[in-house]
Each structure stands twice: as C-alpha cells, then as structure tokens.
Amino acid sequence: MKILIGYDGSPSADAALDDLQRAGLPADVEAEILMIAEVWLPPPTGDDSTENYLPDASPESAEKHSDSADKAVIEAETLCRCAKERLQSNFPGWKIPAKPEAIASANG
C-alpha cells in the first residue's frame, strides 16, 4: 500500500500523524510525506507595469526574495524530516524516503 501524507508542521498535523496508529493501516506501507513551502516571488523586472506593483523590482530585490524562498524550502524540509522520524517511530516497518519532499509554490 502507498500513501501520501500532507504535512504542515502544526500541532494538529502532529496529532494526525499519531492518529494514524488507530487507522488500521497495514504494516507494509510505502509512505510519502509532502509539504508545501509557499513563497512570494517578485514580478519580472523590465516591465513598466511592475513599478506600481513592486517599486523595488531590482535584481537585488529578486535576490532577497530568492533567499527567502530558499529558507522557506529548507524549513519545510526540516519539518518533513521531523514528521518522518515521528512516523518511523510509530511505524518501524514502513518504508519512508530518506529525504521527504518539500515543494515551493510560487505566487506573485
């Protein structure tokens, strides 16, 4: 059996992971943990319409946003690893990838 577990790092998400012990799931499971890191990227530079939207649409500003996005993804990956450890403790027979997946969702 394969299952996908959405995780956001909240106390409720941790409780949901613990509640899986009462879900009647088999011992032979392949579980994938997925967490979304939402990041806001600036609009592309060089477009006059962006001046009203984001006055500082400079390459330096874009780099700051990129650094912020990288930090959000790293934080999400760290939380995913914590969720993996919690699941592996509760379900030692489950196969869970060594590196859980964190996906950056770009909005702008």
PDB file of N, CA and C in Angstrom:
ATOM      1  N   MET A   1       0.840  -1.161   0.000  1.00  0.00           N
ATOM      2  CA  MET A   1       0.000   0.000   0.000  1.00  0.00           C
ATOM      3  C   MET A   1       0.894   1.235   0.000  1.00  0.00           C
ATOM      4  N   LYS A   2       0.516   2.232  -0.804  1.00  0.00           N
ATOM      5  CA  LYS A   2       1.226   3.502  -0.839  1.00  0.00           C
ATOM      6  C   LYS A   2       0.281   4.595  -0.353  1.00  0.00           C
ATOM      7  N   ILE A   3       0.821   5.471   0.523  1.00  0.00           N
ATOM      8  CA  ILE A   3       0.002   6.598   0.984  1.00  0.00           C
ATOM      9  C   ILE A   3       0.811   7.883   0.881  1.00  0.00           C
ATOM     10  N   LEU A   4       0.101   8.971   0.644  1.00  0.00           N
ATOM     11  CA  LEU A   4       0.688  10.303   0.594  1.00  0.00           C
ATOM     12  C   LEU A   4       0.171  11.065   1.806  1.00  0.00           C
ATOM     13  N   ILE A   5       1.091  11.650   2.568  1.00  0.00           N
ATOM     14  CA  ILE A   5       0.729  12.361   3.782  1.00  0.00           C
ATOM     15  C   ILE A   5       1.084  13.827   3.615  1.00  0.00           C
ATOM     16  N   GLY A   6       0.072  14.674   3.597  1.00  0.00           N
ATOM     17  CA  GLY A   6       0.290  16.113   3.589  1.00  0.00           C
ATOM     18  C   GLY A   6       0.595  16.574   5.006  1.00  0.00           C
ATOM     19  N   TYR A   7       1.578  17.435   5.148  1.00  0.00           N
ATOM     20  CA  TYR A   7       2.028  17.839   6.486  1.00  0.00           C
ATOM     21  C   TYR A   7       2.357  19.320   6.476  1.00  0.00           C
ATOM     22  N   ASP A   8       1.948  20.040   7.538  1.00  0.00           N
ATOM     23  CA  ASP A   8       2.250  21.470   7.607  1.00  0.00           C
ATOM     24  C   ASP A   8       3.028  21.868   8.861  1.00  0.00           C
ATOM     25  N   GLY A   9       3.405  20.909   9.679  1.00  0.00           N
ATOM     26  CA  GLY A   9       4.209  21.209  10.860  1.00  0.00           C
ATOM     27  C   GLY A   9       3.438  21.702  12.067  1.00  0.00           C
ATOM     28  N   SER A  10       2.122  21.793  11.954  1.00  0.00           N
ATOM     29  CA  SER A  10       1.303  22.297  13.059  1.00  0.00           C
ATOM     30  C   SER A  10       1.078  21.205  14.109  1.00  0.00           C
ATOM     31  N   PRO A  11       0.682  21.606  15.328  1.00  0.00           N
ATOM     32  CA  PRO A  11       0.344  20.598  16.342  1.00  0.00           C
ATOM     33  C   PRO A  11      -0.778  19.665  15.872  1.00  0.00           C
ATOM     34  N   SER A  12      -1.721  20.186  15.120  1.00  0.00           N
ATOM     35  CA  SER A  12      -2.799  19.335  14.598  1.00  0.00           C
ATOM     36  C   SER A  12      -2.264  18.305  13.611  1.00  0.00           C
ATOM     37  N   ALA A  13      -1.286  18.708  12.807  1.00  0.00           N
ATOM     38  CA  ALA A  13      -0.681  17.765  11.863  1.00  0.00           C
ATOM     39  C   ALA A  13       0.080  16.672  12.612  1.00  0.00           C
ATOM     40  N   ASP A  14       0.758  17.046  13.703  1.00  0.00           N
ATOM     41  CA  ASP A  14       1.452  16.042  14.517  1.00  0.00           C
ATOM     42  C   ASP A  14       0.448  15.069  15.135  1.00  0.00           C
ATOM     43  N   ALA A  15      -0.673  15.597  15.613  1.00  0.00           N
ATOM     44  CA  ALA A  15      -1.717  14.734  16.182  1.00  0.00           C
ATOM     45  C   ALA A  15      -2.278  13.792  15.114  1.00  0.00           C
ATOM     46  N   ALA A  16      -2.422  14.298  13.892  1.00  0.00           N
ATOM     47  CA  ALA A  16      -2.918  13.454  12.800  1.00  0.00           C
ATOM     48  C   ALA A  16      -1.932  12.322  12.496  1.00  0.00           C
ATOM     49  N   LEU A  17      -0.638  12.617  12.563  1.00  0.00           N
ATOM     50  CA  LEU A  17       0.360  11.562  12.357  1.00  0.00           C
ATOM     51  C   LEU A  17       0.217  10.484  13.431  1.00  0.00           C
ATOM     52  N   ASP A  18       0.027  10.907  14.678  1.00  0.00           N
ATOM     53  CA  ASP A  18      -0.136   9.947  15.769  1.00  0.00           C
ATOM     54  C   ASP A  18      -1.442   9.164  15.630  1.00  0.00           C
ATOM     55  N   ASP A  19      -2.486   9.826  15.135  1.00  0.00           N
ATOM     56  CA  ASP A  19      -3.781   9.165  14.965  1.00  0.00           C
ATOM     57  C   ASP A  19      -3.743   8.069  13.899  1.00  0.00           C
ATOM     58  N   LEU A  20      -2.759   8.096  13.020  1.00  0.00           N
ATOM     59  CA  LEU A  20      -2.641   7.048  12.003  1.00  0.00           C
ATOM     60  C   LEU A  20      -2.483   5.663  12.634  1.00  0.00           C
ATOM     61  N   GLN A  21      -2.009   5.632  13.884  1.00  0.00           N
ATOM     62  CA  GLN A  21      -1.853   4.347  14.580  1.00  0.00           C
ATOM     63  C   GLN A  21      -3.203   3.660  14.785  1.00  0.00           C
ATOM     64  N   ARG A  22      -4.279   4.450  14.792  1.00  0.00           N
ATOM     65  CA  ARG A  22      -5.618   3.895  15.000  1.00  0.00           C
ATOM     66  C   ARG A  22      -6.406   3.763  13.688  1.00  0.00           C
ATOM     67  N   ALA A  23      -5.712   3.977  12.563  1.00  0.00           N
ATOM     68  CA  ALA A  23      -6.400   3.967  11.269  1.00  0.00           C
ATOM     69  C   ALA A  23      -6.499   2.572  10.649  1.00  0.00           C
ATOM     70  N   GLY A  24      -5.896   1.575  11.269  1.00  0.00           N
ATOM     71  CA  GLY A  24      -5.973   0.217  10.739  1.00  0.00           C
ATOM     72  C   GLY A  24      -5.135   0.010   9.489  1.00  0.00           C
ATOM     73  N   LEU A  25      -4.073   0.780   9.363  1.00  0.00           N
ATOM     74  CA  LEU A  25      -3.206   0.645   8.193  1.00  0.00           C
ATOM     75  C   LEU A  25      -2.303  -0.581   8.346  1.00  0.00           C
ATOM     76  N   PRO A  26      -1.954  -1.220   7.222  1.00  0.00           N
ATOM     77  CA  PRO A  26      -1.096  -2.405   7.304  1.00  0.00           C
ATOM     78  C   PRO A  26       0.337  -2.040   7.702  1.00  0.00           C
ATOM     79  N   ALA A  27       1.104  -3.054   8.059  1.00  0.00           N
ATOM     80  CA  ALA A  27       2.493  -2.838   8.464  1.00  0.00           C
ATOM     81  C   ALA A  27       3.397  -2.603   7.258  1.00  0.00           C
ATOM     82  N   ASP A  28       2.977  -3.069   6.073  1.00  0.00           N
ATOM     83  CA  ASP A  28       3.778  -2.945   4.865  1.00  0.00           C
ATOM     84  C   ASP A  28       3.269  -1.767   4.033  1.00  0.00           C
ATOM     85  N   VAL A  29       3.769  -0.564   4.332  1.00  0.00           N
ATOM     86  CA  VAL A  29       3.302   0.657   3.679  1.00  0.00           C
ATOM     87  C   VAL A  29       4.502   1.425   3.146  1.00  0.00           C
ATOM     88  N   GLU A  30       4.324   2.007   1.974  1.00  0.00           N
ATOM     89  CA  GLU A  30       5.272   2.986   1.459  1.00  0.00           C
ATOM     90  C   GLU A  30       4.603   4.340   1.624  1.00  0.00           C
ATOM     91  N   ALA A  31       5.179   5.182   2.480  1.00  0.00           N
ATOM     92  CA  ALA A  31       4.588   6.484   2.782  1.00  0.00           C
ATOM     93  C   ALA A  31       5.455   7.592   2.211  1.00  0.00           C
ATOM     94  N   GLU A  32       4.804   8.580   1.649  1.00  0.00           N
ATOM     95  CA  GLU A  32       5.483   9.772   1.137  1.00  0.00           C
ATOM     96  C   GLU A  32       4.929  10.968   1.899  1.00  0.00           C
ATOM     97  N   ILE A  33       5.822  11.791   2.435  1.00  0.00           N
ATOM     98  CA  ILE A  33       5.414  12.999   3.152  1.00  0.00           C
ATOM     99  C   ILE A  33       5.613  14.180   2.213  1.00  0.00           C
ATOM    100  N   LEU A  34       4.602  15.024   2.125  1.00  0.00           N
ATOM    101  CA  LEU A  34       4.651  16.178   1.236  1.00  0.00           C
ATOM    102  C   LEU A  34       4.301  17.434   2.023  1.00  0.00           C
ATOM    103  N   MET A  35       5.122  18.452   1.859  1.00  0.00           N
ATOM    104  CA  MET A  35       4.855  19.741   2.490  1.00  0.00           C
ATOM    105  C   MET A  35       5.083  20.823   1.460  1.00  0.00           C
ATOM    106  N   ILE A  36       4.215  21.804   1.448  1.00  0.00           N
ATOM    107  CA  ILE A  36       4.310  22.914   0.508  1.00  0.00           C
ATOM    108  C   ILE A  36       4.953  24.110   1.209  1.00  0.00           C
ATOM    109  N   ALA A  37       5.999  24.662   0.612  1.00  0.00           N
ATOM    110  CA  ALA A  37       6.624  25.890   1.104  1.00  0.00           C
ATOM    111  C   ALA A  37       6.147  27.007   0.189  1.00  0.00           C
ATOM    112  N   GLU A  38       5.253  27.836   0.692  1.00  0.00           N
ATOM    113  CA  GLU A  38       4.705  28.914  -0.126  1.00  0.00           C
ATOM    114  C   GLU A  38       5.640  30.113  -0.102  1.00  0.00           C
ATOM    115  N   VAL A  39       6.042  30.533  -1.276  1.00  0.00           N
ATOM    116  CA  VAL A  39       6.942  31.678  -1.401  1.00  0.00           C
ATOM    117  C   VAL A  39       6.343  32.684  -2.374  1.00  0.00           C
ATOM    118  N   TRP A  40       6.621  33.938  -2.114  1.00  0.00           N
ATOM    119  CA  TRP A  40       6.133  35.020  -2.981  1.00  0.00           C
ATOM    120  C   TRP A  40       7.320  35.582  -3.733  1.00  0.00           C
ATOM    121  N   LEU A  41       7.241  35.504  -5.026  1.00  0.00           N
ATOM    122  CA  LEU A  41       8.318  35.992  -5.866  1.00  0.00           C
ATOM    123  C   LEU A  41       7.933  37.337  -6.479  1.00  0.00           C
ATOM    124  N   PRO A  42       8.904  38.202  -6.684  1.00  0.00           N
ATOM    125  CA  PRO A  42       8.587  39.488  -7.307  1.00  0.00           C
ATOM    126  C   PRO A  42       8.266  39.283  -8.784  1.00  0.00           C
ATOM    127  N   PRO A  43       7.541  40.220  -9.372  1.00  0.00           N
ATOM    128  CA  PRO A  43       7.279  40.111 -10.806  1.00  0.00           C
ATOM    129  C   PRO A  43       8.573  40.285 -11.582  1.00  0.00           C
ATOM    130  N   PRO A  44       8.610  39.864 -12.832  1.00  0.00           N
ATOM    131  CA  PRO A  44       9.835  40.019 -13.621  1.00  0.00           C
ATOM    132  C   PRO A  44      10.217  41.490 -13.770  1.00  0.00           C
ATOM    133  N   THR A  45      11.511  41.748 -13.823  1.00  0.00           N
ATOM    134  CA  THR A  45      11.981  43.118 -13.992  1.00  0.00           C
ATOM    135  C   THR A  45      11.901  43.521 -15.462  1.00  0.00           C
ATOM    136  N   GLY A  46      11.940  44.827 -15.700  1.00  0.00           N
ATOM    137  CA  GLY A  46      11.948  45.323 -17.063  1.00  0.00           C
ATOM    138  C   GLY A  46      10.571  45.606 -17.622  1.00  0.00           C
ATOM    139  N   ASP A  47       9.537  45.369 -16.868  1.00  0.00           N
ATOM    140  CA  ASP A  47       8.171  45.626 -17.325  1.00  0.00           C
ATOM    141  C   ASP A  47       7.669  46.867 -16.594  1.00  0.00           C
ATOM    142  N   ASP A  48       7.258  47.891 -17.350  1.00  0.00           N
ATOM    143  CA  ASP A  48       6.807  49.144 -16.737  1.00  0.00           C
ATOM    144  C   ASP A  48       5.628  48.943 -15.794  1.00  0.00           C
ATOM    145  N   SER A  49       4.810  47.937 -16.047  1.00  0.00           N
ATOM    146  CA  SER A  49       3.629  47.725 -15.210  1.00  0.00           C
ATOM    147  C   SER A  49       3.994  47.259 -13.813  1.00  0.00           C
ATOM    148  N   THR A  50       5.224  46.783 -13.613  1.00  0.00           N
ATOM    149  CA  THR A  50       5.623  46.296 -12.287  1.00  0.00           C
ATOM    150  C   THR A  50       5.966  47.434 -11.339  1.00  0.00           C
ATOM    151  N   GLU A  51       6.200  48.635 -11.872  1.00  0.00           N
ATOM    152  CA  GLU A  51       6.603  49.737 -10.997  1.00  0.00           C
ATOM    153  C   GLU A  51       5.537  50.059  -9.956  1.00  0.00           C
ATOM    154  N   ASN A  52       4.269  49.991 -10.332  1.00  0.00           N
ATOM    155  CA  ASN A  52       3.196  50.265  -9.382  1.00  0.00           C
ATOM    156  C   ASN A  52       2.987  49.097  -8.434  1.00  0.00           C
ATOM    157  N   TYR A  53       3.267  47.909  -8.908  1.00  0.00           N
ATOM    158  CA  TYR A  53       3.050  46.719  -8.093  1.00  0.00           C
ATOM    159  C   TYR A  53       4.163  46.526  -7.074  1.00  0.00           C
ATOM    160  N   LEU A  54       5.383  46.645  -7.533  1.00  0.00           N
ATOM    161  CA  LEU A  54       6.550  46.443  -6.671  1.00  0.00           C
ATOM    162  C   LEU A  54       7.617  47.454  -7.060  1.00  0.00           C
ATOM    163  N   PRO A  55       7.653  48.597  -6.368  1.00  0.00           N
ATOM    164  CA  PRO A  55       8.591  49.652  -6.757  1.00  0.00           C
ATOM    165  C   PRO A  55      10.045  49.194  -6.781  1.00  0.00           C
ATOM    166  N   ASP A  56      10.423  48.278  -5.906  1.00  0.00           N
ATOM    167  CA  ASP A  56      11.809  47.824  -5.840  1.00  0.00           C
ATOM    168  C   ASP A  56      11.957  46.491  -6.575  1.00  0.00           C
ATOM    169  N   ALA A  57      11.655  46.466  -7.854  1.00  0.00           N
ATOM    170  CA  ALA A  57      11.774  45.238  -8.652  1.00  0.00           C
ATOM    171  C   ALA A  57      13.167  45.158  -9.253  1.00  0.00           C
ATOM    172  N   SER A  58      14.165  45.353  -8.432  1.00  0.00           N
ATOM    173  CA  SER A  58      15.554  45.336  -8.881  1.00  0.00           C
ATOM    174  C   SER A  58      16.122  43.926  -8.742  1.00  0.00           C
ATOM    175  N   PRO A  59      17.261  43.664  -9.389  1.00  0.00           N
ATOM    176  CA  PRO A  59      17.904  42.348  -9.206  1.00  0.00           C
ATOM    177  C   PRO A  59      18.228  42.055  -7.745  1.00  0.00           C
ATOM    178  N   GLU A  60      18.583  43.100  -6.970  1.00  0.00           N
ATOM    179  CA  GLU A  60      18.881  42.895  -5.548  1.00  0.00           C
ATOM    180  C   GLU A  60      17.634  42.447  -4.800  1.00  0.00           C
ATOM    181  N   SER A  61      16.507  43.049  -5.147  1.00  0.00           N
ATOM    182  CA  SER A  61      15.242  42.669  -4.521  1.00  0.00           C
ATOM    183  C   SER A  61      14.890  41.229  -4.873  1.00  0.00           C
ATOM    184  N   ALA A  62      15.085  40.876  -6.120  1.00  0.00           N
ATOM    185  CA  ALA A  62      14.798  39.499  -6.552  1.00  0.00           C
ATOM    186  C   ALA A  62      15.681  38.508  -5.811  1.00  0.00           C
ATOM    187  N   GLU A  63      16.940  38.893  -5.561  1.00  0.00           N
ATOM    188  CA  GLU A  63      17.849  38.012  -4.829  1.00  0.00           C
ATOM    189  C   GLU A  63      17.383  37.821  -3.392  1.00  0.00           C
ATOM    190  N   LYS A  64      16.893  38.906  -2.750  1.00  0.00           N
ATOM    191  CA  LYS A  64      16.367  38.797  -1.386  1.00  0.00           C
ATOM    192  C   LYS A  64      15.181  37.842  -1.349  1.00  0.00           C
ATOM    193  N   HIS A  65      14.294  37.973  -2.344  1.00  0.00           N
ATOM    194  CA  HIS A  65      13.137  37.080  -2.405  1.00  0.00           C
ATOM    195  C   HIS A  65      13.580  35.642  -2.624  1.00  0.00           C
ATOM    196  N   SER A  66      14.610  35.451  -3.434  1.00  0.00           N
ATOM    197  CA  SER A  66      15.129  34.110  -3.689  1.00  0.00           C
ATOM    198  C   SER A  66      15.701  33.508  -2.413  1.00  0.00           C
ATOM    199  N   ASP A  67      16.445  34.303  -1.640  1.00  0.00           N
ATOM    200  CA  ASP A  67      16.987  33.830  -0.360  1.00  0.00           C
ATOM    201  C   ASP A  67      15.862  33.442   0.585  1.00  0.00           C
ATOM    202  N   SER A  68      14.812  34.257   0.623  1.00  0.00           N
ATOM    203  CA  SER A  68      13.653  33.971   1.465  1.00  0.00           C
ATOM    204  C   SER A  68      12.979  32.664   1.035  1.00  0.00           C
ATOM    205  N   ALA A  69      12.874  32.460  -0.266  1.00  0.00           N
ATOM    206  CA  ALA A  69      12.278  31.231  -0.782  1.00  0.00           C
ATOM    207  C   ALA A  69      13.124  30.026  -0.398  1.00  0.00           C
ATOM    208  N   ASP A  70      14.449  30.158  -0.513  1.00  0.00           N
ATOM    209  CA  ASP A  70      15.347  29.064  -0.136  1.00  0.00           C
ATOM    210  C   ASP A  70      15.173  28.712   1.339  1.00  0.00           C
ATOM    211  N   LYS A  71      15.067  29.726   2.193  1.00  0.00           N
ATOM    212  CA  LYS A  71      14.883  29.492   3.625  1.00  0.00           C
ATOM    213  C   LYS A  71      13.558  28.784   3.897  1.00  0.00           C
ATOM    214  N   ALA A  72      12.505  29.168   3.181  1.00  0.00           N
ATOM    215  CA  ALA A  72      11.199  28.535   3.368  1.00  0.00           C
ATOM    216  C   ALA A  72      11.251  27.057   2.980  1.00  0.00           C
ATOM    217  N   VAL A  73      11.941  26.747   1.902  1.00  0.00           N
ATOM    218  CA  VAL A  73      12.064  25.355   1.468  1.00  0.00           C
ATOM    219  C   VAL A  73      12.894  24.557   2.467  1.00  0.00           C
ATOM    220  N   ILE A  74      13.975  25.135   2.962  1.00  0.00           N
ATOM    221  CA  ILE A  74      14.816  24.444   3.962  1.00  0.00           C
ATOM    222  C   ILE A  74      14.010  24.176   5.226  1.00  0.00           C
ATOM    223  N   GLU A  75      13.226  25.154   5.668  1.00  0.00           N
ATOM    224  CA  GLU A  75      12.388  24.964   6.853  1.00  0.00           C
ATOM    225  C   GLU A  75      11.370  23.846   6.614  1.00  0.00           C
ATOM    226  N   ALA A  76      10.768  23.825   5.440  1.00  0.00           N
ATOM    227  CA  ALA A  76       9.786  22.783   5.118  1.00  0.00           C
ATOM    228  C   ALA A  76      10.446  21.405   5.100  1.00  0.00           C
ATOM    229  N   GLU A  77      11.653  21.323   4.536  1.00  0.00           N
ATOM    230  CA  GLU A  77      12.358  20.040   4.511  1.00  0.00           C
ATOM    231  C   GLU A  77      12.699  19.579   5.924  1.00  0.00           C
ATOM    232  N   THR A  78      13.064  20.505   6.797  1.00  0.00           N
ATOM    233  CA  THR A  78      13.367  20.166   8.188  1.00  0.00           C
ATOM    234  C   THR A  78      12.124  19.626   8.889  1.00  0.00           C
ATOM    235  N   LEU A  79      10.991  20.298   8.690  1.00  0.00           N
ATOM    236  CA  LEU A  79       9.740  19.823   9.289  1.00  0.00           C
ATOM    237  C   LEU A  79       9.346  18.454   8.732  1.00  0.00           C
ATOM    238  N   CYS A  80       9.588  18.232   7.449  1.00  0.00           N
ATOM    239  CA  CYS A  80       9.294  16.929   6.848  1.00  0.00           C
ATOM    240  C   CYS A  80      10.143  15.831   7.483  1.00  0.00           C
ATOM    241  N   ARG A  81      11.418  16.137   7.733  1.00  0.00           N
ATOM    242  CA  ARG A  81      12.282  15.138   8.379  1.00  0.00           C
ATOM    243  C   ARG A  81      11.777  14.805   9.785  1.00  0.00           C
ATOM    244  N   CYS A  82      11.286  15.821  10.514  1.00  0.00           N
ATOM    245  CA  CYS A  82      10.721  15.576  11.843  1.00  0.00           C
ATOM    246  C   CYS A  82       9.486  14.679  11.742  1.00  0.00           C
ATOM    247  N   ALA A  83       8.648  14.945  10.746  1.00  0.00           N
ATOM    248  CA  ALA A  83       7.460  14.104  10.535  1.00  0.00           C
ATOM    249  C   ALA A  83       7.870  12.682  10.186  1.00  0.00           C
ATOM    250  N   LYS A  84       8.900  12.536   9.376  1.00  0.00           N
ATOM    251  CA  LYS A  84       9.388  11.200   9.006  1.00  0.00           C
ATOM    252  C   LYS A  84       9.863  10.442  10.245  1.00  0.00           C
ATOM    253  N   GLU A  85      10.618  11.118  11.105  1.00  0.00           N
ATOM    254  CA  GLU A  85      11.105  10.478  12.327  1.00  0.00           C
ATOM    255  C   GLU A  85       9.941  10.046  13.216  1.00  0.00           C
ATOM    256  N   ARG A  86       8.925  10.881  13.303  1.00  0.00           N
ATOM    257  CA  ARG A  86       7.750  10.563  14.123  1.00  0.00           C
ATOM    258  C   ARG A  86       7.025   9.338  13.546  1.00  0.00           C
ATOM    259  N   LEU A  87       6.830   9.347  12.230  1.00  0.00           N
ATOM    260  CA  LEU A  87       6.161   8.211  11.584  1.00  0.00           C
ATOM    261  C   LEU A  87       6.978   6.936  11.715  1.00  0.00           C
ATOM    262  N   GLN A  88       8.297   7.045  11.485  1.00  0.00           N
ATOM    263  CA  GLN A  88       9.151   5.866  11.555  1.00  0.00           C
ATOM    264  C   GLN A  88       9.158   5.280  12.961  1.00  0.00           C
ATOM    265  N   SER A  89       9.044   6.143  13.974  1.00  0.00           N
ATOM    266  CA  SER A  89       8.965   5.679  15.351  1.00  0.00           C
ATOM    267  C   SER A  89       7.656   4.924  15.597  1.00  0.00           C
ATOM    268  N   ASN A  90       6.556   5.465  15.046  1.00  0.00           N
ATOM    269  CA  ASN A  90       5.248   4.833  15.234  1.00  0.00           C
ATOM    270  C   ASN A  90       5.052   3.607  14.349  1.00  0.00           C
ATOM    271  N   PHE A  91       5.696   3.597  13.193  1.00  0.00           N
ATOM    272  CA  PHE A  91       5.540   2.513  12.213  1.00  0.00           C
ATOM    273  C   PHE A  91       6.914   2.072  11.712  1.00  0.00           C
ATOM    274  N   PRO A  92       7.648   1.300  12.500  1.00  0.00           N
ATOM    275  CA  PRO A  92       9.010   0.928  12.119  1.00  0.00           C
ATOM    276  C   PRO A  92       9.098   0.120  10.819  1.00  0.00           C
ATOM    277  N   GLY A  93       8.020  -0.554  10.431  1.00  0.00           N
ATOM    278  CA  GLY A  93       8.046  -1.357   9.214  1.00  0.00           C
ATOM    279  C   GLY A  93       7.753  -0.582   7.940  1.00  0.00           C
ATOM    280  N   TRP A  94       7.350   0.665   8.077  1.00  0.00           N
ATOM    281  CA  TRP A  94       7.003   1.460   6.892  1.00  0.00           C
ATOM    282  C   TRP A  94       8.262   1.892   6.153  1.00  0.00           C
ATOM    283  N   LYS A  95       8.136   1.945   4.838  1.00  0.00           N
ATOM    284  CA  LYS A  95       9.220   2.482   4.010  1.00  0.00           C
ATOM    285  C   LYS A  95       8.886   3.950   3.742  1.00  0.00           C
ATOM    286  N   ILE A  96       9.764   4.815   4.215  1.00  0.00           N
ATOM    287  CA  ILE A  96       9.592   6.254   4.034  1.00  0.00           C
ATOM    288  C   ILE A  96      10.886   6.774   3.418  1.00  0.00           C
ATOM    289  N   PRO A  97      10.806   7.524   2.309  1.00  0.00           N
ATOM    290  CA  PRO A  97      12.035   8.012   1.666  1.00  0.00           C
ATOM    291  C   PRO A  97      12.943   8.735   2.649  1.00  0.00           C
ATOM    292  N   ALA A  98      14.246   8.603   2.423  1.00  0.00           N
ATOM    293  CA  ALA A  98      15.227   9.243   3.294  1.00  0.00           C
ATOM    294  C   ALA A  98      15.076  10.753   3.283  1.00  0.00           C
ATOM    295  N   LYS A  99      14.699  11.326   2.140  1.00  0.00           N
ATOM    296  CA  LYS A  99      14.537  12.776   2.056  1.00  0.00           C
ATOM    297  C   LYS A  99      13.100  13.090   1.672  1.00  0.00           C
ATOM    298  N   PRO A 100      12.284  13.469   2.652  1.00  0.00           N
ATOM    299  CA  PRO A 100      10.909  13.865   2.326  1.00  0.00           C
ATOM    300  C   PRO A 100      10.899  15.054   1.374  1.00  0.00           C
ATOM    301  N   GLU A 101       9.806  15.230   0.688  1.00  0.00           N
ATOM    302  CA  GLU A 101       9.691  16.242  -0.359  1.00  0.00           C
ATOM    303  C   GLU A 101       9.051  17.525   0.152  1.00  0.00           C
ATOM    304  N   ALA A 102       9.709  18.636  -0.107  1.00  0.00           N
ATOM    305  CA  ALA A 102       9.115  19.953   0.139  1.00  0.00           C
ATOM    306  C   ALA A 102       9.088  20.671  -1.199  1.00  0.00           C
ATOM    307  N   ILE A 103       7.945  21.165  -1.568  1.00  0.00           N
ATOM    308  CA  ILE A 103       7.781  21.815  -2.866  1.00  0.00           C
ATOM    309  C   ILE A 103       7.512  23.303  -2.641  1.00  0.00           C
ATOM    310  N   ALA A 104       8.198  24.129  -3.406  1.00  0.00           N
ATOM    311  CA  ALA A 104       7.963  25.576  -3.331  1.00  0.00           C
ATOM    312  C   ALA A 104       6.822  25.927  -4.270  1.00  0.00           C
ATOM    313  N   SER A 105       5.837  26.574  -3.711  1.00  0.00           N
ATOM    314  CA  SER A 105       4.702  27.060  -4.502  1.00  0.00           C
ATOM    315  C   SER A 105       4.898  28.551  -4.701  1.00  0.00           C
ATOM    316  N   ALA A 106       5.211  28.955  -5.925  1.00  0.00           N
ATOM    317  CA  ALA A 106       5.497  30.362  -6.204  1.00  0.00           C
ATOM    318  C   ALA A 106       4.217  31.110  -6.532  1.00  0.00           C
ATOM    319  N   ASN A 107       4.016  32.190  -5.829  1.00  0.00           N
ATOM    320  CA  ASN A 107       2.875  33.081  -6.089  1.00  0.00           C
ATOM    321  C   ASN A 107       3.433  34.455  -6.393  1.00  0.00           C
ATOM    322  N   GLY A 108       2.721  35.184  -7.176  1.00  0.00           N
ATOM    323  CA  GLY A 108       3.231  36.508  -7.465  1.00  0.00           C
ATOM    324  C   GLY A 108       2.237  37.333  -8.196  1.00  0.00           C
TER     325      GLY A 108
END
